[in-house]
Amino acid sequence: MAKRATKNIPTYRRQRKRNRGLFGWLWRVVLGLFVLSIAWVAIYRFIPPPITATMIGDLVAGRGLKKDWMSLNEMDRDMVRAAIAAEDGKFCQHSGFDWDAISDAARRNASGGRIRGGSTISQQAAKNTFLWQGGGYFRKGVEAYFTFLIEHLWGKRRIMEVYLNVAETGIGTYGANAGAQRYFGHDADALSPTEAARIAAVLPLPKQRGAIAPKGFTRSYGNTIAARIGQVRRDGLDACVYKGSTAPKDKAPPPSTKPSQLPGEEYETATPPPPEASVDETPIEETPGLTEPNSVEASSTNAAAAPVEPAPEPTEPVTQPPEENPQPPGQ
C-alpha cells in the first residue's frame, strides 16, 4: 500500500499534529519531573542527603566541605529548641507556611528598607536540601512545592533532623554537629543553652558571623535566643519533634577545646567579620510565636543561659542630698 504523501495534508492539519506532538512531549517532561521529585523527597526520608547545591558551591570555590550527620536521637535537645526560638516559633503549629509571618514580611518589604523573609524551618529545609541560595519568584515557587512535599512525606521530626544537618553553620561547614566541633571543639550531643543559641544565631549569615567570641548583633541575638530556649521548653513548642519517640537526656557539655582546623578557616580572621551594616543596625525582632520572657520565673530560669553585660558606669555626677539642719550663712 502506497504511503500517503505529506504534501497532500492541509497545512492547518500538519500544524495541529506538530502542536499535539510538542504538547505531548512537554507533558511527558512535566510528569517525569513530578515523579522524580516525589521519589527524590521519598529517598531522603530514609537516607541523609549526600550533598546540596550550596555544598557544591563551597567545593567549587575552594572552601572545602565539612559535615558530620547526627540524628535527633543523639543531638542535644537545646539545639532543636534554639532553632525554633530563632527561626520558627510556630514550627509545630503550621503545615509548612506561617502565613502571618509571610504577610508581615510583605508589609515590611513594601515599606522599603532591607528585604526580609518570612520563611519557616520547613521552607528553609526544602531550600537547603533541594534548591539553591538566592531569591527570585521562580525559586520561591519551587521551594513552596518542595515544602509541601516534605511536610506530607517527611513529617516534623525528619524536617528538623535534615534542617539541623544541612544548614550552613560556617565557611565550608554544614550541620549543627560540625558547627559545634568547629566553634567549641566537641560534638552537638551535649550543648549548653548558650552554645546552642550561638550556633542558631550564626545561621542567617554563616559566612560572616562567628560563634566563638561573637560581638555586636550576633552576641546580643545569641543571648536573646538563649533566653527564649526556656520558653520553648516550658511551652512545649518542640513537642512535635519528639512525638512518638524518646527525647535525648540533657547532658552537661564537655569543656570547650580548640577545634582542629576545618575547611574554610583560611578565609576567616581571629575576630570574625561583622555582619552587614543593615543587619547589625536592625533591632532584634520577636520570633513569631514567641514573646520575650518578662516574668520572675523566666528571669531566674534563663539567668545562666543568657549572661547579661555589665552595666556601664554612670557618666553624670550624682547629686548629693542636702545636709540636714544646714547652718545659715554667717554662723
C-alpha atoms as a PDB file:
ATOM      1  CA  MET A   1       0.000   0.000   0.000  1.00  0.00           C
ATOM      2  CA  ALA A   2       1.408   3.350  -1.016  1.00  0.00           C
ATOM      3  CA  LYS A   3       2.394   5.780   1.783  1.00  0.00           C
ATOM      4  CA  ARG A   4       0.188   8.831   1.966  1.00  0.00           C
ATOM      5  CA  ALA A   5       2.004  11.888   0.712  1.00  0.00           C
ATOM      6  CA  THR A   6       2.531  14.546   3.392  1.00  0.00           C
ATOM      7  CA  LYS A   7       2.141  17.328   0.878  1.00  0.00           C
ATOM      8  CA  ASN A   8      -1.470  16.297   0.365  1.00  0.00           C
ATOM      9  CA  ILE A   9      -2.285  17.006   4.070  1.00  0.00           C
ATOM     10  CA  PRO A  10      -3.650  20.529   4.584  1.00  0.00           C
ATOM     11  CA  THR A  11      -1.277  22.968   6.298  1.00  0.00           C
ATOM     12  CA  TYR A  12      -3.541  23.582   9.299  1.00  0.00           C
ATOM     13  CA  ARG A  13      -3.733  19.829   9.969  1.00  0.00           C
ATOM     14  CA  ARG A  14       0.057  19.446   9.802  1.00  0.00           C
ATOM     15  CA  GLN A  15       0.428  22.349  12.283  1.00  0.00           C
ATOM     16  CA  ARG A  16      -2.139  20.789  14.615  1.00  0.00           C
ATOM     17  CA  LYS A  17      -0.263  17.498  14.503  1.00  0.00           C
ATOM     18  CA  ARG A  18       3.044  19.218  15.350  1.00  0.00           C
ATOM     19  CA  ASN A  19       1.386  21.063  18.246  1.00  0.00           C
ATOM     20  CA  ARG A  20      -0.010  17.823  19.627  1.00  0.00           C
ATOM     21  CA  GLY A  21       3.462  16.306  19.432  1.00  0.00           C
ATOM     22  CA  LEU A  22       5.018  19.304  21.229  1.00  0.00           C
ATOM     23  CA  PHE A  23       2.400  19.352  23.976  1.00  0.00           C
ATOM     24  CA  GLY A  24       2.723  15.616  24.389  1.00  0.00           C
ATOM     25  CA  TRP A  25       6.489  15.951  24.798  1.00  0.00           C
ATOM     26  CA  LEU A  26       6.126  18.784  27.336  1.00  0.00           C
ATOM     27  CA  TRP A  27       3.529  16.800  29.261  1.00  0.00           C
ATOM     28  CA  ARG A  28       5.872  13.815  29.487  1.00  0.00           C
ATOM     29  CA  VAL A  29       8.684  16.079  30.726  1.00  0.00           C
ATOM     30  CA  VAL A  30       6.470  17.663  33.408  1.00  0.00           C
ATOM     31  CA  LEU A  31       5.134  14.287  34.503  1.00  0.00           C
ATOM     32  CA  GLY A  32       8.662  12.883  34.644  1.00  0.00           C
ATOM     33  CA  LEU A  33       9.890  15.792  36.788  1.00  0.00           C
ATOM     34  CA  PHE A  34       6.896  15.391  39.083  1.00  0.00           C
ATOM     35  CA  VAL A  35       7.558  11.679  39.610  1.00  0.00           C
ATOM     36  CA  LEU A  36      11.290  12.310  40.020  1.00  0.00           C
ATOM     37  CA  SER A  37      10.734  14.998  42.659  1.00  0.00           C
ATOM     38  CA  ILE A  38       8.472  12.731  44.720  1.00  0.00           C
ATOM     39  CA  ALA A  39      10.996   9.901  44.513  1.00  0.00           C
ATOM     40  CA  TRP A  40      13.809  12.304  45.480  1.00  0.00           C
ATOM     41  CA  VAL A  41      11.952  13.500  48.572  1.00  0.00           C
ATOM     42  CA  ALA A  42      10.897   9.956  49.500  1.00  0.00           C
ATOM     43  CA  ILE A  43      14.506   8.702  49.358  1.00  0.00           C
ATOM     44  CA  TYR A  44      15.706  11.468  51.665  1.00  0.00           C
ATOM     45  CA  ARG A  45      13.036  10.420  54.117  1.00  0.00           C
ATOM     46  CA  PHE A  46      15.261   7.468  54.959  1.00  0.00           C
ATOM     47  CA  ILE A  47      18.850   8.387  53.999  1.00  0.00           C
ATOM     48  CA  PRO A  48      20.863  11.537  54.722  1.00  0.00           C
ATOM     49  CA  PRO A  49      21.190  13.904  51.759  1.00  0.00           C
ATOM     50  CA  PRO A  50      24.722  13.249  50.449  1.00  0.00           C
ATOM     51  CA  ILE A  51      25.326  16.767  49.091  1.00  0.00           C
ATOM     52  CA  THR A  52      23.471  20.006  48.325  1.00  0.00           C
ATOM     53  CA  ALA A  53      23.855  22.828  45.818  1.00  0.00           C
ATOM     54  CA  THR A  54      25.339  25.113  48.484  1.00  0.00           C
ATOM     55  CA  MET A  55      27.906  22.470  49.425  1.00  0.00           C
ATOM     56  CA  ILE A  56      28.888  22.114  45.784  1.00  0.00           C
ATOM     57  CA  GLY A  57      29.343  25.888  45.601  1.00  0.00           C
ATOM     58  CA  ASP A  58      31.776  25.797  48.534  1.00  0.00           C
ATOM     59  CA  LEU A  59      33.725  22.953  46.959  1.00  0.00           C
ATOM     60  CA  VAL A  60      33.964  24.773  43.617  1.00  0.00           C
ATOM     61  CA  ALA A  61      35.101  27.955  45.401  1.00  0.00           C
ATOM     62  CA  GLY A  62      37.836  26.001  47.194  1.00  0.00           C
ATOM     63  CA  ARG A  63      36.401  26.452  50.671  1.00  0.00           C
ATOM     64  CA  GLY A  64      36.175  22.725  51.323  1.00  0.00           C
ATOM     65  CA  LEU A  65      33.367  20.796  52.945  1.00  0.00           C
ATOM     66  CA  LYS A  66      32.907  19.542  56.498  1.00  0.00           C
ATOM     67  CA  LYS A  67      29.732  17.794  57.634  1.00  0.00           C
ATOM     68  CA  ASP A  68      29.035  15.175  60.261  1.00  0.00           C
ATOM     69  CA  TRP A  69      25.475  13.854  60.343  1.00  0.00           C
ATOM     70  CA  MET A  70      23.905  13.425  63.781  1.00  0.00           C
ATOM     71  CA  SER A  71      20.413  12.053  64.340  1.00  0.00           C
ATOM     72  CA  LEU A  72      17.957  13.726  66.682  1.00  0.00           C
ATOM     73  CA  ASN A  73      18.215  10.681  68.927  1.00  0.00           C
ATOM     74  CA  GLU A  74      21.713  11.885  69.798  1.00  0.00           C
ATOM     75  CA  MET A  75      21.620  15.668  69.272  1.00  0.00           C
ATOM     76  CA  ASP A  76      21.136  17.853  72.334  1.00  0.00           C
ATOM     77  CA  ARG A  77      17.522  18.933  72.619  1.00  0.00           C
ATOM     78  CA  ASP A  78      18.583  22.520  73.306  1.00  0.00           C
ATOM     79  CA  MET A  79      19.784  22.715  69.697  1.00  0.00           C
ATOM     80  CA  VAL A  80      16.263  21.939  68.500  1.00  0.00           C
ATOM     81  CA  ARG A  81      14.855  24.471  70.949  1.00  0.00           C
ATOM     82  CA  ALA A  82      17.354  27.093  69.809  1.00  0.00           C
ATOM     83  CA  ALA A  83      16.396  26.594  66.152  1.00  0.00           C
ATOM     84  CA  ILE A  84      12.713  27.001  66.984  1.00  0.00           C
ATOM     85  CA  ALA A  85      13.417  30.014  69.204  1.00  0.00           C
ATOM     86  CA  ALA A  86      15.474  31.705  66.492  1.00  0.00           C
ATOM     87  CA  GLU A  87      13.753  30.750  63.257  1.00  0.00           C
ATOM     88  CA  ASP A  88      10.211  29.478  63.689  1.00  0.00           C
ATOM     89  CA  GLY A  89       8.267  29.702  66.942  1.00  0.00           C
ATOM     90  CA  LYS A  90       5.198  28.153  65.276  1.00  0.00           C
ATOM     91  CA  PHE A  91       7.040  25.160  63.809  1.00  0.00           C
ATOM     92  CA  CYS A  92       4.738  22.646  65.486  1.00  0.00           C
ATOM     93  CA  GLN A  93       1.585  24.587  64.617  1.00  0.00           C
ATOM     94  CA  HIS A  94       1.811  25.323  60.893  1.00  0.00           C
ATOM     95  CA  SER A  95       1.781  22.967  57.926  1.00  0.00           C
ATOM     96  CA  GLY A  96       4.884  24.385  56.289  1.00  0.00           C
ATOM     97  CA  PHE A  97       3.939  28.059  55.876  1.00  0.00           C
ATOM     98  CA  ASP A  98       3.445  30.720  58.531  1.00  0.00           C
ATOM     99  CA  TRP A  99       1.025  32.977  56.694  1.00  0.00           C
ATOM    100  CA  ASP A 100       1.062  35.616  59.432  1.00  0.00           C
ATOM    101  CA  ALA A 101       4.852  35.913  59.193  1.00  0.00           C
ATOM    102  CA  ILE A 102       4.710  35.972  55.392  1.00  0.00           C
ATOM    103  CA  SER A 103       2.107  38.773  55.427  1.00  0.00           C
ATOM    104  CA  ASP A 104       4.111  40.722  57.976  1.00  0.00           C
ATOM    105  CA  ALA A 105       7.291  40.364  55.893  1.00  0.00           C
ATOM    106  CA  ALA A 106       5.418  41.508  52.772  1.00  0.00           C
ATOM    107  CA  ARG A 107       4.206  44.641  54.574  1.00  0.00           C
ATOM    108  CA  ARG A 108       7.697  45.454  55.850  1.00  0.00           C
ATOM    109  CA  ASN A 109       9.275  44.910  52.454  1.00  0.00           C
ATOM    110  CA  ALA A 110       6.668  47.100  50.757  1.00  0.00           C
ATOM    111  CA  SER A 111       7.559  49.954  53.098  1.00  0.00           C
ATOM    112  CA  GLY A 112      11.167  49.916  51.877  1.00  0.00           C
ATOM    113  CA  GLY A 113      14.459  49.147  53.565  1.00  0.00           C
ATOM    114  CA  ARG A 114      16.252  45.816  53.801  1.00  0.00           C
ATOM    115  CA  ILE A 115      14.309  42.903  52.348  1.00  0.00           C
ATOM    116  CA  ARG A 116      13.180  40.412  54.963  1.00  0.00           C
ATOM    117  CA  GLY A 117      11.708  36.964  54.592  1.00  0.00           C
ATOM    118  CA  GLY A 118       9.058  35.039  56.451  1.00  0.00           C
ATOM    119  CA  SER A 119      10.416  31.548  55.799  1.00  0.00           C
ATOM    120  CA  THR A 120       9.691  28.720  58.197  1.00  0.00           C
ATOM    121  CA  ILE A 121      12.113  25.962  59.137  1.00  0.00           C
ATOM    122  CA  SER A 122      10.239  23.715  56.690  1.00  0.00           C
ATOM    123  CA  GLN A 123      10.822  26.175  53.832  1.00  0.00           C
ATOM    124  CA  GLN A 124      14.484  26.569  54.742  1.00  0.00           C
ATOM    125  CA  ALA A 125      14.927  22.795  54.911  1.00  0.00           C
ATOM    126  CA  ALA A 126      13.378  22.446  51.445  1.00  0.00           C
ATOM    127  CA  LYS A 127      15.582  25.195  50.022  1.00  0.00           C
ATOM    128  CA  ASN A 128      18.818  23.993  51.641  1.00  0.00           C
ATOM    129  CA  THR A 129      18.266  20.367  50.657  1.00  0.00           C
ATOM    130  CA  PHE A 130      16.870  20.516  47.136  1.00  0.00           C
ATOM    131  CA  LEU A 131      17.483  24.010  45.750  1.00  0.00           C
ATOM    132  CA  TRP A 132      19.983  26.846  45.668  1.00  0.00           C
ATOM    133  CA  GLN A 133      20.540  30.045  47.619  1.00  0.00           C
ATOM    134  CA  GLY A 134      19.289  33.385  46.404  1.00  0.00           C
ATOM    135  CA  GLY A 135      15.915  34.927  45.825  1.00  0.00           C
ATOM    136  CA  GLY A 136      13.629  35.073  42.861  1.00  0.00           C
ATOM    137  CA  TYR A 137       9.994  34.210  42.434  1.00  0.00           C
ATOM    138  CA  PHE A 138      10.745  31.072  40.437  1.00  0.00           C
ATOM    139  CA  ARG A 139      12.894  29.584  43.185  1.00  0.00           C
ATOM    140  CA  LYS A 140      10.337  30.624  45.786  1.00  0.00           C
ATOM    141  CA  GLY A 141       7.639  28.807  43.831  1.00  0.00           C
ATOM    142  CA  VAL A 142       9.689  25.614  43.572  1.00  0.00           C
ATOM    143  CA  GLU A 143      10.565  25.976  47.266  1.00  0.00           C
ATOM    144  CA  ALA A 144       6.863  26.075  48.148  1.00  0.00           C
ATOM    145  CA  TYR A 145       6.315  22.881  46.136  1.00  0.00           C
ATOM    146  CA  PHE A 146       9.118  21.012  47.936  1.00  0.00           C
ATOM    147  CA  THR A 147       7.913  22.393  51.280  1.00  0.00           C
ATOM    148  CA  PHE A 148       4.504  20.860  50.614  1.00  0.00           C
ATOM    149  CA  LEU A 149       6.139  17.534  49.743  1.00  0.00           C
ATOM    150  CA  ILE A 150       8.374  17.268  52.812  1.00  0.00           C
ATOM    151  CA  GLU A 151       5.559  18.276  55.163  1.00  0.00           C
ATOM    152  CA  HIS A 152       3.486  15.369  53.857  1.00  0.00           C
ATOM    153  CA  LEU A 153       6.226  12.800  53.163  1.00  0.00           C
ATOM    154  CA  TRP A 154       8.687  13.519  55.970  1.00  0.00           C
ATOM    155  CA  GLY A 155       6.844  14.937  58.953  1.00  0.00           C
ATOM    156  CA  LYS A 156       8.107  17.424  61.527  1.00  0.00           C
ATOM    157  CA  ARG A 157      10.778  15.248  63.116  1.00  0.00           C
ATOM    158  CA  ARG A 158      12.519  14.433  59.837  1.00  0.00           C
ATOM    159  CA  ILE A 159      12.252  18.056  58.676  1.00  0.00           C
ATOM    160  CA  MET A 160      14.024  19.258  61.809  1.00  0.00           C
ATOM    161  CA  GLU A 161      16.614  16.497  61.588  1.00  0.00           C
ATOM    162  CA  VAL A 162      17.516  17.309  57.983  1.00  0.00           C
ATOM    163  CA  TYR A 163      17.465  21.048  58.640  1.00  0.00           C
ATOM    164  CA  LEU A 164      19.919  20.795  61.543  1.00  0.00           C
ATOM    165  CA  ASN A 165      22.257  18.642  59.438  1.00  0.00           C
ATOM    166  CA  VAL A 166      22.334  20.536  56.130  1.00  0.00           C
ATOM    167  CA  ALA A 167      22.094  24.151  57.318  1.00  0.00           C
ATOM    168  CA  GLU A 168      25.314  26.102  56.804  1.00  0.00           C
ATOM    169  CA  THR A 169      26.961  26.840  60.165  1.00  0.00           C
ATOM    170  CA  GLY A 170      30.261  28.286  58.971  1.00  0.00           C
ATOM    171  CA  ILE A 171      32.518  28.593  55.950  1.00  0.00           C
ATOM    172  CA  GLY A 172      32.600  25.117  54.420  1.00  0.00           C
ATOM    173  CA  THR A 173      30.799  23.750  57.486  1.00  0.00           C
ATOM    174  CA  TYR A 174      27.309  22.232  57.473  1.00  0.00           C
ATOM    175  CA  GLY A 175      25.091  20.996  60.263  1.00  0.00           C
ATOM    176  CA  ALA A 176      24.881  21.674  63.983  1.00  0.00           C
ATOM    177  CA  ASN A 177      27.295  18.871  64.825  1.00  0.00           C
ATOM    178  CA  ALA A 178      30.037  20.137  62.513  1.00  0.00           C
ATOM    179  CA  GLY A 179      29.345  23.652  63.785  1.00  0.00           C
ATOM    180  CA  ALA A 180      29.768  22.551  67.418  1.00  0.00           C
ATOM    181  CA  GLN A 181      33.037  20.857  66.517  1.00  0.00           C
ATOM    182  CA  ARG A 182      34.206  23.993  64.746  1.00  0.00           C
ATOM    183  CA  TYR A 183      33.348  26.521  67.427  1.00  0.00           C
ATOM    184  CA  PHE A 184      33.500  24.570  70.683  1.00  0.00           C
ATOM    185  CA  GLY A 185      35.663  21.523  69.985  1.00  0.00           C
ATOM    186  CA  HIS A 186      33.047  18.907  70.900  1.00  0.00           C
ATOM    187  CA  ASP A 187      30.002  17.211  69.379  1.00  0.00           C
ATOM    188  CA  ALA A 188      26.435  18.528  69.432  1.00  0.00           C
ATOM    189  CA  ASP A 189      25.209  15.674  71.617  1.00  0.00           C
ATOM    190  CA  ALA A 190      25.875  17.869  74.661  1.00  0.00           C
ATOM    191  CA  LEU A 191      25.427  21.620  74.288  1.00  0.00           C
ATOM    192  CA  SER A 192      24.798  24.335  76.805  1.00  0.00           C
ATOM    193  CA  PRO A 193      21.880  26.672  76.005  1.00  0.00           C
ATOM    194  CA  THR A 194      24.409  29.416  75.244  1.00  0.00           C
ATOM    195  CA  GLU A 195      26.332  27.210  72.785  1.00  0.00           C
ATOM    196  CA  ALA A 196      23.155  26.088  71.022  1.00  0.00           C
ATOM    197  CA  ALA A 197      21.919  29.686  70.861  1.00  0.00           C
ATOM    198  CA  ARG A 198      25.179  30.906  69.360  1.00  0.00           C
ATOM    199  CA  ILE A 199      25.047  28.286  66.609  1.00  0.00           C
ATOM    200  CA  ALA A 200      21.448  29.330  65.868  1.00  0.00           C
ATOM    201  CA  ALA A 201      22.495  32.998  65.786  1.00  0.00           C
ATOM    202  CA  VAL A 202      25.075  32.205  63.100  1.00  0.00           C
ATOM    203  CA  LEU A 203      22.567  30.535  60.742  1.00  0.00           C
ATOM    204  CA  PRO A 204      21.281  33.649  58.912  1.00  0.00           C
ATOM    205  CA  LEU A 205      24.808  34.735  57.841  1.00  0.00           C
ATOM    206  CA  PRO A 206      27.128  31.759  58.409  1.00  0.00           C
ATOM    207  CA  LYS A 207      29.943  33.155  56.251  1.00  0.00           C
ATOM    208  CA  GLN A 208      30.041  36.466  58.127  1.00  0.00           C
ATOM    209  CA  ARG A 209      29.301  35.531  61.738  1.00  0.00           C
ATOM    210  CA  GLY A 210      31.281  33.526  64.253  1.00  0.00           C
ATOM    211  CA  ALA A 211      30.053  31.747  67.379  1.00  0.00           C
ATOM    212  CA  ILE A 212      33.328  31.501  69.340  1.00  0.00           C
ATOM    213  CA  ALA A 213      33.572  35.096  70.567  1.00  0.00           C
ATOM    214  CA  PRO A 214      30.688  36.898  68.894  1.00  0.00           C
ATOM    215  CA  LYS A 215      30.237  40.629  69.210  1.00  0.00           C
ATOM    216  CA  GLY A 216      27.602  43.166  68.253  1.00  0.00           C
ATOM    217  CA  PHE A 217      24.417  41.798  66.785  1.00  0.00           C
ATOM    218  CA  THR A 218      25.462  38.148  66.897  1.00  0.00           C
ATOM    219  CA  ARG A 219      26.217  38.307  70.625  1.00  0.00           C
ATOM    220  CA  SER A 220      23.020  40.123  71.581  1.00  0.00           C
ATOM    221  CA  TYR A 221      20.934  37.948  69.271  1.00  0.00           C
ATOM    222  CA  GLY A 222      22.514  34.801  70.719  1.00  0.00           C
ATOM    223  CA  ASN A 223      21.681  35.955  74.247  1.00  0.00           C
ATOM    224  CA  THR A 224      18.095  36.605  73.169  1.00  0.00           C
ATOM    225  CA  ILE A 225      17.811  33.118  71.677  1.00  0.00           C
ATOM    226  CA  ALA A 226      19.280  31.573  74.835  1.00  0.00           C
ATOM    227  CA  ALA A 227      16.594  33.329  76.876  1.00  0.00           C
ATOM    228  CA  ARG A 228      13.861  32.096  74.529  1.00  0.00           C
ATOM    229  CA  ILE A 229      15.033  28.471  74.871  1.00  0.00           C
ATOM    230  CA  GLY A 230      13.461  28.457  78.315  1.00  0.00           C
ATOM    231  CA  GLN A 231      10.114  29.480  76.871  1.00  0.00           C
ATOM    232  CA  VAL A 232      10.295  26.785  74.193  1.00  0.00           C
ATOM    233  CA  ARG A 233      10.962  24.277  76.966  1.00  0.00           C
ATOM    234  CA  ARG A 234       8.149  25.477  79.223  1.00  0.00           C
ATOM    235  CA  ASP A 235       5.521  25.780  76.483  1.00  0.00           C
ATOM    236  CA  GLY A 236       6.472  22.528  74.744  1.00  0.00           C
ATOM    237  CA  LEU A 237       6.977  24.263  71.392  1.00  0.00           C
ATOM    238  CA  ASP A 238       9.267  21.410  70.292  1.00  0.00           C
ATOM    239  CA  ALA A 239       6.875  18.605  71.286  1.00  0.00           C
ATOM    240  CA  CYS A 240       6.027  17.625  67.695  1.00  0.00           C
ATOM    241  CA  VAL A 241       9.683  16.819  67.015  1.00  0.00           C
ATOM    242  CA  TYR A 242       9.738  14.137  69.725  1.00  0.00           C
ATOM    243  CA  LYS A 243       6.182  12.853  69.345  1.00  0.00           C
ATOM    244  CA  GLY A 244       6.212   9.059  69.473  1.00  0.00           C
ATOM    245  CA  SER A 245       9.908   8.905  70.355  1.00  0.00           C
ATOM    246  CA  THR A 246      12.124   9.327  73.388  1.00  0.00           C
ATOM    247  CA  ALA A 247      13.894  12.652  73.618  1.00  0.00           C
ATOM    248  CA  PRO A 248      17.599  12.525  74.470  1.00  0.00           C
ATOM    249  CA  LYS A 249      18.508  13.240  78.069  1.00  0.00           C
ATOM    250  CA  ASP A 250      20.169  16.536  78.879  1.00  0.00           C
ATOM    251  CA  LYS A 251      23.915  16.168  79.325  1.00  0.00           C
ATOM    252  CA  ALA A 252      26.447  18.665  80.559  1.00  0.00           C
ATOM    253  CA  PRO A 253      28.728  19.710  77.698  1.00  0.00           C
ATOM    254  CA  PRO A 254      32.430  18.957  77.994  1.00  0.00           C
ATOM    255  CA  PRO A 255      34.831  21.860  78.340  1.00  0.00           C
ATOM    256  CA  SER A 256      35.341  23.699  75.073  1.00  0.00           C
ATOM    257  CA  THR A 257      38.680  22.949  73.471  1.00  0.00           C
ATOM    258  CA  LYS A 258      40.449  24.387  70.488  1.00  0.00           C
ATOM    259  CA  PRO A 259      38.905  22.602  67.499  1.00  0.00           C
ATOM    260  CA  SER A 260      41.017  21.125  64.760  1.00  0.00           C
ATOM    261  CA  GLN A 261      41.363  23.086  61.550  1.00  0.00           C
ATOM    262  CA  LEU A 262      38.325  22.833  59.327  1.00  0.00           C
ATOM    263  CA  PRO A 263      37.802  23.730  55.660  1.00  0.00           C
ATOM    264  CA  GLY A 264      37.498  27.463  55.097  1.00  0.00           C
ATOM    265  CA  GLU A 265      39.388  28.622  58.188  1.00  0.00           C
ATOM    266  CA  GLU A 266      41.923  30.371  55.982  1.00  0.00           C
ATOM    267  CA  TYR A 267      39.122  32.683  54.862  1.00  0.00           C
ATOM    268  CA  GLU A 268      38.327  33.747  58.430  1.00  0.00           C
ATOM    269  CA  THR A 269      40.093  36.046  60.866  1.00  0.00           C
ATOM    270  CA  ALA A 270      40.663  35.575  64.578  1.00  0.00           C
ATOM    271  CA  THR A 271      37.811  38.007  65.130  1.00  0.00           C
ATOM    272  CA  PRO A 272      35.021  37.038  62.704  1.00  0.00           C
ATOM    273  CA  PRO A 273      33.977  39.940  60.465  1.00  0.00           C
ATOM    274  CA  PRO A 274      30.757  41.672  61.499  1.00  0.00           C
ATOM    275  CA  PRO A 275      27.528  41.129  59.553  1.00  0.00           C
ATOM    276  CA  GLU A 276      26.277  43.627  57.042  1.00  0.00           C
ATOM    277  CA  ALA A 277      25.594  47.058  58.448  1.00  0.00           C
ATOM    278  CA  SER A 278      21.895  46.758  57.673  1.00  0.00           C
ATOM    279  CA  VAL A 279      21.756  43.601  59.789  1.00  0.00           C
ATOM    280  CA  ASP A 280      23.901  44.921  62.618  1.00  0.00           C
ATOM    281  CA  GLU A 281      21.809  48.053  62.983  1.00  0.00           C
ATOM    282  CA  THR A 282      18.466  46.293  62.879  1.00  0.00           C
ATOM    283  CA  PRO A 283      16.711  45.895  66.246  1.00  0.00           C
ATOM    284  CA  ILE A 284      16.116  42.304  67.298  1.00  0.00           C
ATOM    285  CA  GLU A 285      12.548  41.314  66.479  1.00  0.00           C
ATOM    286  CA  GLU A 286      10.402  38.762  68.221  1.00  0.00           C
ATOM    287  CA  THR A 287      10.270  35.351  66.617  1.00  0.00           C
ATOM    288  CA  PRO A 288       6.689  34.542  65.538  1.00  0.00           C
ATOM    289  CA  GLY A 289       5.035  32.508  68.244  1.00  0.00           C
ATOM    290  CA  LEU A 290       7.455  33.608  70.954  1.00  0.00           C
ATOM    291  CA  THR A 291       7.476  36.500  73.381  1.00  0.00           C
ATOM    292  CA  GLU A 292      10.285  37.933  75.403  1.00  0.00           C
ATOM    293  CA  PRO A 293      10.457  36.365  78.890  1.00  0.00           C
ATOM    294  CA  ASN A 294       9.491  39.050  81.382  1.00  0.00           C
ATOM    295  CA  SER A 295       8.342  37.127  84.438  1.00  0.00           C
ATOM    296  CA  VAL A 296      10.358  36.406  87.536  1.00  0.00           C
ATOM    297  CA  GLU A 297      10.278  32.708  86.682  1.00  0.00           C
ATOM    298  CA  ALA A 298      11.630  33.342  83.182  1.00  0.00           C
ATOM    299  CA  SER A 299      14.375  35.570  84.502  1.00  0.00           C
ATOM    300  CA  SER A 300      15.538  33.039  87.068  1.00  0.00           C
ATOM    301  CA  THR A 301      15.320  30.146  84.619  1.00  0.00           C
ATOM    302  CA  ASN A 302      17.353  31.842  81.935  1.00  0.00           C
ATOM    303  CA  ALA A 303      19.860  33.723  84.042  1.00  0.00           C
ATOM    304  CA  ALA A 304      22.597  31.189  83.331  1.00  0.00           C
ATOM    305  CA  ALA A 305      21.659  30.794  79.678  1.00  0.00           C
ATOM    306  CA  ALA A 306      21.672  34.485  78.800  1.00  0.00           C
ATOM    307  CA  PRO A 307      24.530  36.306  80.516  1.00  0.00           C
ATOM    308  CA  VAL A 308      23.871  39.983  80.938  1.00  0.00           C
ATOM    309  CA  GLU A 309      26.524  42.502  80.023  1.00  0.00           C
ATOM    310  CA  PRO A 310      27.710  44.615  82.976  1.00  0.00           C
ATOM    311  CA  ALA A 311      26.015  47.971  83.151  1.00  0.00           C
ATOM    312  CA  PRO A 312      28.230  50.921  82.156  1.00  0.00           C
ATOM    313  CA  GLU A 313      29.460  53.288  84.808  1.00  0.00           C
ATOM    314  CA  PRO A 314      27.323  56.414  85.147  1.00  0.00           C
ATOM    315  CA  THR A 315      28.764  59.363  83.283  1.00  0.00           C
ATOM    316  CA  GLU A 316      26.867  62.145  85.025  1.00  0.00           C
ATOM    317  CA  PRO A 317      27.820  63.219  88.562  1.00  0.00           C
ATOM    318  CA  VAL A 318      25.485  62.066  91.266  1.00  0.00           C
ATOM    319  CA  THR A 319      23.868  64.965  93.140  1.00  0.00           C
ATOM    320  CA  GLN A 320      24.430  64.711  96.894  1.00  0.00           C
ATOM    321  CA  PRO A 321      21.348  65.156  99.097  1.00  0.00           C
ATOM    322  CA  PRO A 322      21.286  68.375 101.151  1.00  0.00           C
ATOM    323  CA  GLU A 323      22.554  68.150 104.688  1.00  0.00           C
ATOM    324  CA  GLU A 324      20.055  68.109 107.499  1.00  0.00           C
ATOM    325  CA  ASN A 325      19.691  71.340 109.526  1.00  0.00           C
ATOM    326  CA  PRO A 326      22.032  73.405 107.369  1.00  0.00           C
ATOM    327  CA  GLN A 327      23.709  76.287 109.140  1.00  0.00           C
ATOM    328  CA  PRO A 328      22.563  79.692 107.986  1.00  0.00           C
ATOM    329  CA  PRO A 329      25.166  81.838 106.265  1.00  0.00           C
ATOM    330  CA  GLY A 330      27.448  83.764 108.559  1.00  0.00           C
ATOM    331  CA  GLN A 331      27.195  81.359 111.523  1.00  0.00           C
END
